[in-house]
């Protein structure tokens, strides 16, 4: 199976670290014009310098705030200048935003809303911005990075995170039904626990030895997942091989 994206325009949010970074690099290595966006200005310059696109691909790093409608629209307008539309949108921005487990009575309105603003509202803004161009073209791929927390209970213990990831799964189903008649598929990839960012490394270090062993033993394949493992699932959903798959969430966690 040969999957590549020559001449395609791809937006990846949350593209500076971990999973998002791996996804952005994977598309650029397969010939896509990738707009890799994030709010982490310093890190985004490093990413651009280290990128190794192939087959005519390129990685364009952009500072973009998915909680701001104007910022998202400016990114999409620039990306559409390549060929009139965004062919693929991957929303990987989100996570726990540096928050830690706390009893619900101690969770502030601000902390609750911050996680939903990036994970859920951010995904909504991005899809809303690319939809008109995809509709005009009669084709498009949307992939939202959810989490195993969206299919069960979050290991983070952060209620807002588990709620946001569950909401993303519901959003995928709803948007798939709405956008399918226009040739646009909407799917989700739900990674298991991975040590791919400072937030999740901190979570890991918060476990004692017994807890760490229990988390790792859940991985039937016997190794930690990598950003490339998630990127491969995203590439499939974005490809022609998945043209009759929509509204689905694929768990990628090295275990049943």
Protein backbone atom coordinates (compact mmCIF):
# COMPACT_ATOMS: atom_id res chain seq x y z
CA UNK A 1 0.00 0.00 0.00
CA UNK A 2 1.59 3.24 -1.16
CA UNK A 3 0.15 6.33 0.52
CA UNK A 4 1.39 9.72 -0.54
CA UNK A 5 0.02 13.24 -0.92
CA UNK A 6 1.82 15.10 -3.73
CA UNK A 7 0.25 18.49 -4.40
CA UNK A 8 -2.10 18.19 -1.43
CA UNK A 9 -2.53 20.94 1.16
CA UNK A 10 -2.65 19.75 4.76
CA UNK A 11 -3.23 21.62 8.02
CA UNK A 12 -2.05 20.04 11.28
CA UNK A 13 -2.85 21.82 14.54
CA UNK A 14 -0.88 21.20 17.70
CA UNK A 15 2.03 20.34 15.44
CA UNK A 16 5.04 21.31 17.53
CA UNK A 17 5.32 18.40 19.94
CA UNK A 18 4.70 14.70 20.17
CA UNK A 19 1.86 13.28 18.11
CA UNK A 20 1.12 16.47 16.17
CA UNK A 21 4.75 16.86 15.21
CA UNK A 22 4.94 13.28 14.00
CA UNK A 23 1.81 13.74 11.89
CA UNK A 24 3.03 16.96 10.29
CA UNK A 25 6.39 15.39 9.41
CA UNK A 26 4.72 12.27 7.98
CA UNK A 27 2.62 14.30 5.54
CA UNK A 28 5.58 16.48 4.47
CA UNK A 29 7.68 13.38 3.86
CA UNK A 30 4.96 12.15 1.50
CA UNK A 31 4.84 15.23 -0.70
CA UNK A 32 2.22 17.39 0.99
CA UNK A 33 2.33 21.13 1.55
CA UNK A 34 1.89 21.06 5.32
CA UNK A 35 0.83 24.00 7.45
CA UNK A 36 2.06 22.98 10.89
CA UNK A 37 0.52 25.31 13.43
CA UNK A 38 0.80 25.79 17.17
CA UNK A 39 0.89 28.53 19.81
CA UNK A 40 4.41 27.63 20.97
CA UNK A 41 6.41 30.22 19.05
CA UNK A 42 9.93 29.18 20.08
CA UNK A 43 9.40 25.48 19.44
CA UNK A 44 7.73 26.06 16.09
CA UNK A 45 10.90 27.65 14.70
CA UNK A 46 12.90 24.59 15.79
CA UNK A 47 10.41 22.29 14.09
CA UNK A 48 10.68 24.14 10.80
CA UNK A 49 14.48 23.96 10.91
CA UNK A 50 14.47 20.19 11.55
CA UNK A 51 11.81 19.26 8.97
CA UNK A 52 12.89 16.91 6.18
CA UNK A 53 10.15 17.00 3.52
CA UNK A 54 10.47 14.83 0.42
CA UNK A 55 8.82 14.36 -3.00
CA UNK A 56 8.09 18.05 -3.39
CA UNK A 57 6.58 18.40 0.07
CA UNK A 58 7.16 21.32 2.42
CA UNK A 59 6.47 22.19 6.02
CA UNK A 60 5.28 25.72 6.74
CA UNK A 61 5.32 26.47 10.47
CA UNK A 62 2.73 29.00 11.59
CA UNK A 63 1.78 30.41 14.96
CA UNK A 64 -1.96 29.82 15.26
CA UNK A 65 -4.33 29.94 18.23
CA UNK A 66 -7.22 27.52 17.68
CA UNK A 67 -9.22 29.26 20.40
CA UNK A 68 -9.33 32.41 18.25
CA UNK A 69 -11.57 32.43 15.18
CA UNK A 70 -9.60 35.13 13.36
CA UNK A 71 -6.32 33.26 13.86
CA UNK A 72 -7.79 30.04 12.47
CA UNK A 73 -9.36 31.79 9.48
CA UNK A 74 -6.11 33.55 8.61
CA UNK A 75 -4.31 30.19 8.56
CA UNK A 76 -6.93 28.56 6.36
CA UNK A 77 -6.98 31.51 3.94
CA UNK A 78 -3.21 31.25 3.52
CA UNK A 79 -3.28 27.47 3.10
CA UNK A 80 -6.04 27.69 0.49
CA UNK A 81 -3.85 29.96 -1.62
CA UNK A 82 -1.92 26.85 -2.81
CA UNK A 83 -4.73 25.10 -4.64
CA UNK A 84 -8.02 26.67 -3.58
CA UNK A 85 -8.81 24.35 -0.72
CA UNK A 86 -7.39 22.50 2.25
CA UNK A 87 -7.37 18.83 1.30
CA UNK A 88 -6.72 17.45 4.78
CA UNK A 89 -7.29 18.90 8.24
CA UNK A 90 -5.81 17.14 11.27
CA UNK A 91 -6.74 18.61 14.64
CA UNK A 92 -4.14 17.43 17.14
CA UNK A 93 -4.14 20.52 19.37
CA UNK A 94 -5.36 19.90 22.87
CA UNK A 95 -4.28 17.77 25.77
CA UNK A 96 -4.49 18.64 29.46
CA UNK A 97 -2.79 22.05 29.15
CA UNK A 98 -0.53 21.49 32.13
CA UNK A 99 -3.39 20.67 34.48
CA UNK A 100 -3.29 17.91 37.09
CA UNK A 101 -5.85 15.65 38.70
CA UNK A 102 -8.11 17.46 41.19
CA UNK A 103 -11.45 16.74 42.90
CA UNK A 104 -14.32 18.27 40.97
CA UNK A 105 -15.11 20.71 43.78
CA UNK A 106 -11.63 22.19 43.33
CA UNK A 107 -11.82 22.61 39.53
CA UNK A 108 -12.31 26.25 38.55
CA UNK A 109 -14.52 27.43 35.72
CA UNK A 110 -11.41 28.71 33.96
CA UNK A 111 -9.59 25.37 34.09
CA UNK A 112 -12.66 23.48 32.89
CA UNK A 113 -13.27 25.84 29.98
CA UNK A 114 -9.60 26.02 28.95
CA UNK A 115 -9.42 22.32 28.13
CA UNK A 116 -12.72 22.30 26.25
CA UNK A 117 -11.74 25.50 24.40
CA UNK A 118 -8.74 23.88 22.72
CA UNK A 119 -9.87 20.29 22.34
CA UNK A 120 -13.52 20.77 21.37
CA UNK A 121 -14.09 24.39 20.39
CA UNK A 122 -10.76 24.46 18.56
CA UNK A 123 -11.70 21.41 16.50
CA UNK A 124 -15.06 23.01 15.68
CA UNK A 125 -13.44 26.28 14.55
CA UNK A 126 -10.96 24.49 12.31
CA UNK A 127 -13.55 22.28 10.63
CA UNK A 128 -15.88 25.25 10.16
CA UNK A 129 -13.09 27.19 8.45
CA UNK A 130 -12.05 24.46 5.99
CA UNK A 131 -15.53 23.17 5.18
CA UNK A 132 -16.48 25.76 2.50
CA UNK A 133 -13.37 25.04 0.41
CA UNK A 134 -13.79 21.30 0.77
CA UNK A 135 -17.44 21.58 -0.25
CA UNK A 136 -16.51 23.54 -3.37
CA UNK A 137 -13.99 20.86 -4.29
CA UNK A 138 -16.39 18.03 -3.52
CA UNK A 139 -13.74 16.30 -1.43
CA UNK A 140 -11.88 16.57 1.86
CA UNK A 141 -10.51 14.66 4.81
CA UNK A 142 -10.84 15.63 8.47
CA UNK A 143 -9.09 13.66 11.21
CA UNK A 144 -9.46 14.63 14.87
CA UNK A 145 -7.01 13.26 17.42
CA UNK A 146 -9.13 12.10 20.32
CA UNK A 147 -7.88 9.72 23.00
CA UNK A 148 -8.58 6.46 24.73
CA UNK A 149 -10.10 8.82 27.31
CA UNK A 150 -12.85 9.51 24.78
CA UNK A 151 -13.78 5.83 24.73
CA UNK A 152 -13.61 5.17 28.45
CA UNK A 153 -12.29 6.83 31.61
CA UNK A 154 -9.22 9.06 31.44
CA UNK A 155 -6.08 7.86 33.21
CA UNK A 156 -5.31 11.52 33.87
CA UNK A 157 -8.23 11.78 36.30
CA UNK A 158 -8.96 15.20 34.80
CA UNK A 159 -12.70 15.40 34.24
CA UNK A 160 -12.52 18.17 31.66
CA UNK A 161 -10.06 16.18 29.55
CA UNK A 162 -12.13 13.01 29.55
CA UNK A 163 -15.23 15.04 28.76
CA UNK A 164 -13.53 16.92 25.91
CA UNK A 165 -12.20 13.76 24.30
CA UNK A 166 -15.62 12.11 24.52
CA UNK A 167 -17.16 15.20 22.94
CA UNK A 168 -14.70 14.95 20.05
CA UNK A 169 -15.90 11.41 19.30
CA UNK A 170 -19.49 12.67 19.17
CA UNK A 171 -18.47 15.61 17.00
CA UNK A 172 -16.86 13.23 14.51
CA UNK A 173 -20.08 11.25 14.11
CA UNK A 174 -22.21 14.37 13.75
CA UNK A 175 -19.95 16.13 11.24
CA UNK A 176 -19.49 12.92 9.25
CA UNK A 177 -23.24 12.77 8.69
CA UNK A 178 -23.44 16.44 7.74
CA UNK A 179 -20.41 16.63 5.46
CA UNK A 180 -20.54 13.20 3.84
CA UNK A 181 -22.87 14.31 1.02
CA UNK A 182 -20.16 16.79 -0.04
CA UNK A 183 -17.48 14.12 -0.37
CA UNK A 184 -15.87 14.98 2.97
CA UNK A 185 -14.97 12.25 5.45
CA UNK A 186 -14.56 12.92 9.18
CA UNK A 187 -12.82 10.37 11.40
CA UNK A 188 -10.89 10.19 14.64
CA UNK A 189 -7.80 8.45 15.94
CA UNK A 190 -7.78 7.66 19.66
CA UNK A 191 -4.27 7.00 21.00
CA UNK A 192 -3.66 5.09 24.18
CA UNK A 193 -1.37 6.46 26.88
CA UNK A 194 1.89 7.61 25.33
CA UNK A 195 4.90 9.40 26.80
CA UNK A 196 5.02 11.96 23.99
CA UNK A 197 4.80 15.35 25.71
CA UNK A 198 5.86 17.08 28.94
CA UNK A 199 2.30 16.83 30.31
CA UNK A 200 2.14 13.07 29.86
CA UNK A 201 5.70 12.55 31.07
CA UNK A 202 4.73 14.42 34.23
CA UNK A 203 1.68 12.18 34.57
CA UNK A 204 3.90 9.12 34.20
CA UNK A 205 6.35 10.35 36.80
CA UNK A 206 3.44 10.87 39.20
CA UNK A 207 2.78 7.13 39.28
CA UNK A 208 4.58 4.83 41.69
CA UNK A 209 6.45 1.78 40.36
CA UNK A 210 3.44 -0.51 40.71
CA UNK A 211 1.17 1.90 38.84
CA UNK A 212 3.73 2.34 36.07
CA UNK A 213 3.99 -1.41 35.65
CA UNK A 214 0.19 -1.75 35.48
CA UNK A 215 -0.07 0.94 32.77
CA UNK A 216 2.66 -0.63 30.67
CA UNK A 217 1.29 -4.16 31.04
CA UNK A 218 -1.94 -3.04 29.38
CA UNK A 219 0.01 -2.69 26.13
CA UNK A 220 -0.29 -6.16 24.60
CA UNK A 221 2.37 -5.48 21.96
CA UNK A 222 4.88 -4.78 24.72
CA UNK A 223 6.30 -1.41 23.70
CA UNK A 224 5.40 2.25 24.00
CA UNK A 225 3.58 3.80 21.08
CA UNK A 226 5.32 6.47 19.04
CA UNK A 227 4.06 9.56 17.19
CA UNK A 228 4.71 7.61 13.98
CA UNK A 229 2.25 4.91 15.07
CA UNK A 230 -0.49 7.53 15.31
CA UNK A 231 0.64 9.27 12.12
CA UNK A 232 0.26 6.03 10.15
CA UNK A 233 -3.39 5.73 11.20
CA UNK A 234 -3.98 9.37 10.26
CA UNK A 235 -2.34 8.90 6.86
CA UNK A 236 -4.69 6.00 6.16
CA UNK A 237 -7.81 8.02 7.05
CA UNK A 238 -6.54 10.87 4.87
CA UNK A 239 -5.86 8.62 1.89
CA UNK A 240 -8.03 7.31 -0.94
CA UNK A 241 -7.96 3.90 0.73
CA UNK A 242 -10.36 5.27 3.37
CA UNK A 243 -12.74 7.00 0.97
CA UNK A 244 -15.74 4.94 2.19
CA UNK A 245 -14.96 5.24 5.91
CA UNK A 246 -16.44 8.11 7.90
CA UNK A 247 -17.69 8.85 11.40
CA UNK A 248 -15.35 6.28 12.92
CA UNK A 249 -12.92 6.38 15.82
CA UNK A 250 -9.90 4.08 15.58
CA UNK A 251 -8.21 3.17 18.86
CA UNK A 252 -4.44 2.95 18.40
CA UNK A 253 -3.04 1.70 21.64
CA UNK A 254 -1.09 -1.53 21.05
CA UNK A 255 -3.83 -3.56 22.71
CA UNK A 256 -7.41 -4.79 22.16
